[in-house]
Amino acid sequence: MFRKTLTGALCATALALPAAAFDPGAMTDAERQAFRDEVRAYLLENPEVLQEAIAVLQQREADAEAVEDLSLVKANTDDLFSDGHSWVGGNPDGDVTIVEFIDYRCGYCRKAHDEVAELVASDGNIRLIVKEFPILGEDSTISSRFAIATKQLAGDAAYKTVHDELITLRGRPNPNNLEKLANKHGLDGAAIIAQMADPAVDAVIAENHALGQRMRISGTPTFVVQDQMLRGYLPLAGMREVVEEVRTN
């Protein structure tokens, strides 16, 4: 990615240099070499020009990605904000909705967990939607299946309890450990383990993966804050800034 940006910046910088009009295709080998030498000398003498060009290109790429992300959110609004199967927390009538795509084995998802909880609790006007998005292997899938099965059998409060446990789980999410986890909170662990094999659980994961593919999500955590996408972990202070920006726009 950096090489692509650097190449583009070099071309932009070279074309921006003061020079008499000429047809590059009509240049002789000697003229082409002289031009290259002139560009190189100019950049060595003025390296800040290259830095400025790279910054401009990076900003253009970011702006283009933001526009594309906006169109993706608009095209998938219903599946993002009202799919009927994802857990919804925070303030159900909040003026800002945050959707989080998570994988329980993702280190950055674990890092973001407490910060997202703090943001929702301290703000008081955020609606939070969690999308189970297992992409990091079998343990991720097992954990998500267990969380989804818990919600389907025992409801939202039980899901939240299990969700918080899974995001901090240090051991393997094998059936024995998961059943003990459920039983510890007064849930029917055996029934939840059995529910994990239900086609209804398959359907939730399949729908979330299909949505992620349409949204071009390849990593976790990924957040949708109203109409903005945040592809990756963002510290609490940054999340607060995005929420306020959404509110003022």
Protein backbone atom coordinates (compact mmCIF):
# COMPACT_ATOMS: atom_id res chain seq x y z
CA MET A 1 0.00 0.00 0.00
CA PHE A 2 2.82 2.41 0.91
CA ARG A 3 4.69 1.60 -2.33
CA LYS A 4 1.55 2.33 -4.36
CA THR A 5 1.07 5.65 -2.58
CA LEU A 6 4.74 6.52 -2.92
CA THR A 7 4.72 5.79 -6.65
CA GLY A 8 1.63 7.94 -7.12
CA ALA A 9 3.21 10.74 -5.13
CA LEU A 10 6.37 10.63 -7.21
CA CYS A 11 4.38 10.87 -10.42
CA ALA A 12 2.26 13.70 -9.04
CA THR A 13 5.33 15.55 -7.85
CA ALA A 14 7.16 15.12 -11.12
CA LEU A 15 4.22 16.33 -13.15
CA ALA A 16 3.86 19.33 -10.86
CA LEU A 17 7.44 20.52 -11.41
CA PRO A 18 7.89 23.71 -13.48
CA ALA A 19 8.87 22.68 -17.00
CA ALA A 20 8.29 23.63 -20.58
CA ALA A 21 5.46 21.82 -22.35
CA PHE A 22 6.66 18.62 -23.94
CA ASP A 23 5.39 15.28 -25.21
CA PRO A 24 6.82 12.53 -22.95
CA GLY A 25 6.27 9.99 -25.71
CA ALA A 26 8.50 11.95 -28.05
CA MET A 27 11.45 12.20 -25.68
CA THR A 28 14.76 10.65 -26.63
CA ASP A 29 16.48 8.31 -24.20
CA ALA A 30 18.91 11.10 -23.30
CA GLU A 31 16.07 13.57 -22.67
CA ARG A 32 14.19 11.02 -20.58
CA GLN A 33 17.26 10.34 -18.46
CA ALA A 34 17.89 14.07 -18.06
CA PHE A 35 14.29 14.53 -16.93
CA ARG A 36 14.65 11.71 -14.39
CA ASP A 37 17.86 13.21 -13.08
CA GLU A 38 16.18 16.61 -12.75
CA VAL A 39 13.23 15.14 -10.85
CA ARG A 40 15.56 13.20 -8.55
CA ALA A 41 17.67 16.27 -7.85
CA TYR A 42 14.60 18.36 -7.15
CA LEU A 43 13.22 15.80 -4.68
CA LEU A 44 16.55 15.47 -2.91
CA GLU A 45 16.72 19.23 -2.51
CA ASN A 46 13.05 19.56 -1.56
CA PRO A 47 11.98 16.33 0.24
CA GLU A 48 9.07 18.14 1.88
CA VAL A 49 7.37 18.24 -1.53
CA LEU A 50 7.24 14.45 -1.58
CA GLN A 51 5.84 14.36 1.96
CA GLU A 52 3.15 16.85 0.99
CA ALA A 53 2.25 14.85 -2.11
CA ILE A 54 1.97 11.62 -0.12
CA ALA A 55 -0.24 13.35 2.45
CA VAL A 56 -2.54 14.67 -0.28
CA LEU A 57 -2.85 11.25 -1.89
CA GLN A 58 -3.52 9.55 1.44
CA GLN A 59 -6.24 12.09 2.24
CA ARG A 60 -7.82 11.55 -1.17
CA GLU A 61 -7.80 7.79 -0.60
CA ALA A 62 -9.36 8.23 2.85
CA ASP A 63 -12.03 10.56 1.46
CA ALA A 64 -12.85 8.11 -1.33
CA GLU A 65 -13.08 5.23 1.16
CA ALA A 66 -15.40 7.26 3.40
CA VAL A 67 -17.72 7.98 0.48
CA GLU A 68 -17.73 4.31 -0.49
CA ASP A 69 -18.40 3.25 3.12
CA LEU A 70 -21.31 5.67 3.32
CA SER A 71 -22.91 4.07 0.28
CA LEU A 72 -22.35 0.59 1.77
CA VAL A 73 -24.08 1.59 5.01
CA LYS A 74 -27.04 3.05 3.12
CA ALA A 75 -27.36 -0.07 0.97
CA ASN A 76 -27.39 -2.36 4.04
CA THR A 77 -29.31 -0.24 6.56
CA ASP A 78 -31.95 -2.81 7.48
CA ASP A 79 -29.49 -5.66 7.97
CA LEU A 80 -27.20 -3.45 10.04
CA PHE A 81 -29.71 -1.82 12.35
CA SER A 82 -32.77 -4.09 12.48
CA ASP A 83 -31.94 -7.66 11.47
CA GLY A 84 -34.11 -9.17 14.19
CA HIS A 85 -31.47 -11.52 15.60
CA SER A 86 -28.60 -9.35 16.89
CA TRP A 87 -28.35 -8.31 20.54
CA VAL A 88 -29.31 -4.69 21.17
CA GLY A 89 -28.10 -2.90 24.29
CA GLY A 90 -27.48 0.54 25.66
CA ASN A 91 -30.33 3.00 25.22
CA PRO A 92 -32.85 1.48 22.76
CA ASP A 93 -34.06 5.02 21.98
CA GLY A 94 -30.58 6.52 21.72
CA ASP A 95 -29.88 9.19 19.14
CA VAL A 96 -26.71 7.41 17.92
CA THR A 97 -26.51 3.73 17.00
CA ILE A 98 -23.22 1.83 17.07
CA VAL A 99 -22.95 -1.57 15.40
CA GLU A 100 -19.94 -3.67 16.40
CA PHE A 101 -18.73 -6.71 14.46
CA ILE A 102 -16.81 -8.86 16.94
CA ASP A 103 -14.78 -12.04 17.18
CA TYR A 104 -14.28 -13.36 20.71
CA ARG A 105 -10.71 -14.48 19.99
CA CYS A 106 -9.69 -11.10 18.55
CA GLY A 107 -7.22 -9.27 20.78
CA TYR A 108 -8.39 -5.84 19.68
CA CYS A 109 -12.04 -6.79 20.26
CA ARG A 110 -11.06 -7.69 23.80
CA LYS A 111 -9.21 -4.42 24.18
CA ALA A 112 -12.20 -2.46 22.88
CA HIS A 113 -14.78 -4.27 25.01
CA ASP A 114 -14.44 -2.30 28.25
CA GLU A 115 -14.00 0.96 26.36
CA VAL A 116 -17.18 0.46 24.36
CA ALA A 117 -19.02 -0.42 27.57
CA GLU A 118 -17.68 2.76 29.20
CA LEU A 119 -18.70 4.85 26.18
CA VAL A 120 -22.25 3.48 26.21
CA ALA A 121 -22.64 3.80 30.01
CA SER A 122 -21.18 7.29 30.33
CA ASP A 123 -22.94 8.70 27.27
CA GLY A 124 -26.39 7.34 28.09
CA ASN A 125 -27.81 8.01 24.64
CA ILE A 126 -26.18 5.31 22.52
CA ARG A 127 -27.88 2.24 21.09
CA LEU A 128 -25.39 -0.64 20.75
CA ILE A 129 -25.83 -3.59 18.40
CA VAL A 130 -23.46 -6.56 18.48
CA LYS A 131 -22.88 -8.65 15.36
CA GLU A 132 -21.39 -12.08 15.95
CA PHE A 133 -18.66 -12.26 13.30
CA PRO A 134 -16.36 -15.25 13.90
CA ILE A 135 -13.47 -15.20 11.42
CA LEU A 136 -10.44 -16.35 13.41
CA GLY A 137 -10.92 -20.10 13.41
CA GLU A 138 -12.81 -22.86 15.16
CA ASP A 139 -12.65 -21.41 18.67
CA SER A 140 -14.14 -18.17 17.38
CA THR A 141 -17.00 -20.02 15.72
CA ILE A 142 -17.68 -22.17 18.80
CA SER A 143 -17.80 -19.08 21.01
CA SER A 144 -20.20 -17.27 18.71
CA ARG A 145 -22.41 -20.33 18.38
CA PHE A 146 -22.62 -20.54 22.17
CA ALA A 147 -23.51 -16.84 22.51
CA ILE A 148 -26.16 -17.03 19.79
CA ALA A 149 -27.64 -20.23 21.25
CA THR A 150 -27.81 -18.56 24.66
CA LYS A 151 -29.73 -15.61 23.25
CA GLN A 152 -32.13 -17.87 21.39
CA LEU A 153 -32.91 -19.98 24.46
CA ALA A 154 -32.53 -17.59 27.39
CA GLY A 155 -32.92 -14.07 26.02
CA ASP A 156 -30.99 -10.82 25.89
CA ALA A 157 -29.88 -10.56 29.52
CA ALA A 158 -28.39 -14.05 29.44
CA TYR A 159 -26.68 -13.26 26.14
CA LYS A 160 -25.04 -10.15 27.62
CA THR A 161 -23.75 -12.15 30.59
CA VAL A 162 -22.29 -14.85 28.35
CA HIS A 163 -20.94 -12.28 25.89
CA ASP A 164 -18.98 -10.55 28.65
CA GLU A 165 -17.61 -13.88 29.85
CA LEU A 166 -16.55 -15.05 26.39
CA ILE A 167 -14.71 -11.85 25.51
CA THR A 168 -12.45 -12.39 28.53
CA LEU A 169 -12.29 -16.20 28.43
CA ARG A 170 -8.70 -17.44 28.80
CA GLY A 171 -9.24 -21.16 28.28
CA ARG A 172 -10.52 -23.04 25.26
CA PRO A 173 -14.26 -22.73 24.56
CA ASN A 174 -14.84 -26.48 24.68
CA PRO A 175 -18.27 -27.92 25.60
CA ASN A 176 -17.22 -28.70 29.16
CA ASN A 177 -15.98 -25.19 29.88
CA LEU A 178 -18.95 -23.58 28.18
CA GLU A 179 -21.47 -25.68 30.06
CA LYS A 180 -19.79 -24.77 33.36
CA LEU A 181 -19.85 -21.10 32.35
CA ALA A 182 -23.59 -21.27 31.67
CA ASN A 183 -24.40 -23.20 34.83
CA LYS A 184 -22.42 -20.68 36.91
CA HIS A 185 -24.94 -18.02 35.88
CA GLY A 186 -28.01 -20.16 36.49
CA LEU A 187 -28.48 -21.09 32.83
CA ASP A 188 -29.17 -24.54 31.42
CA GLY A 189 -25.74 -25.32 30.03
CA ALA A 190 -26.69 -28.66 28.52
CA ALA A 191 -29.63 -27.16 26.65
CA ILE A 192 -27.49 -24.32 25.29
CA ILE A 193 -24.82 -26.76 24.11
CA ALA A 194 -27.50 -28.73 22.28
CA GLN A 195 -28.92 -25.54 20.74
CA MET A 196 -25.52 -24.71 19.25
CA ALA A 197 -26.15 -27.35 16.55
CA ASP A 198 -29.53 -25.89 15.59
CA PRO A 199 -29.90 -24.55 12.00
CA ALA A 200 -31.17 -21.28 13.49
CA VAL A 201 -27.67 -20.67 14.86
CA ASP A 202 -26.18 -21.45 11.45
CA ALA A 203 -28.53 -18.92 9.89
CA VAL A 204 -27.39 -16.06 12.14
CA ILE A 205 -23.71 -16.64 11.43
CA ALA A 206 -24.35 -17.05 7.70
CA GLU A 207 -26.34 -13.81 7.57
CA ASN A 208 -23.67 -11.89 9.47
CA HIS A 209 -20.91 -13.23 7.24
CA ALA A 210 -22.90 -12.32 4.14
CA LEU A 211 -23.45 -8.81 5.51
CA GLY A 212 -19.76 -8.50 6.31
CA GLN A 213 -18.88 -9.52 2.77
CA ARG A 214 -21.24 -6.91 1.33
CA MET A 215 -19.75 -4.31 3.68
CA ARG A 216 -16.22 -5.42 2.70
CA ILE A 217 -15.35 -6.19 6.31
CA SER A 218 -12.25 -8.34 6.61
CA GLY A 219 -11.22 -7.74 10.22
CA THR A 220 -12.52 -7.15 13.71
CA PRO A 221 -13.49 -5.07 15.46
CA THR A 222 -15.34 -3.11 12.81
CA PHE A 223 -17.79 -0.42 13.91
CA VAL A 224 -20.60 1.34 12.13
CA VAL A 225 -21.42 4.57 13.96
CA GLN A 226 -24.68 5.79 12.47
CA ASP A 227 -23.44 6.21 8.87
CA GLN A 228 -19.69 6.07 9.43
CA MET A 229 -17.49 2.98 9.37
CA LEU A 230 -14.48 2.50 11.62
CA ARG A 231 -12.39 -0.37 10.34
CA GLY A 232 -10.39 -1.40 13.38
CA TYR A 233 -9.81 -0.55 17.02
CA LEU A 234 -10.19 3.08 18.06
CA PRO A 235 -9.40 4.22 21.63
CA LEU A 236 -12.20 5.55 23.81
CA ALA A 237 -11.34 9.21 23.23
CA GLY A 238 -11.49 8.69 19.49
CA MET A 239 -14.84 6.91 19.75
CA ARG A 240 -16.23 9.83 21.74
CA GLU A 241 -15.10 12.23 19.03
CA VAL A 242 -16.78 10.17 16.30
CA VAL A 243 -20.04 10.03 18.27
CA GLU A 244 -20.03 13.81 18.78
CA GLU A 245 -19.20 14.36 15.10
CA VAL A 246 -22.16 12.19 14.10
CA ARG A 247 -24.44 14.12 16.44
CA THR A 248 -23.43 17.53 15.07
CA ASN A 249 -23.71 16.58 11.39
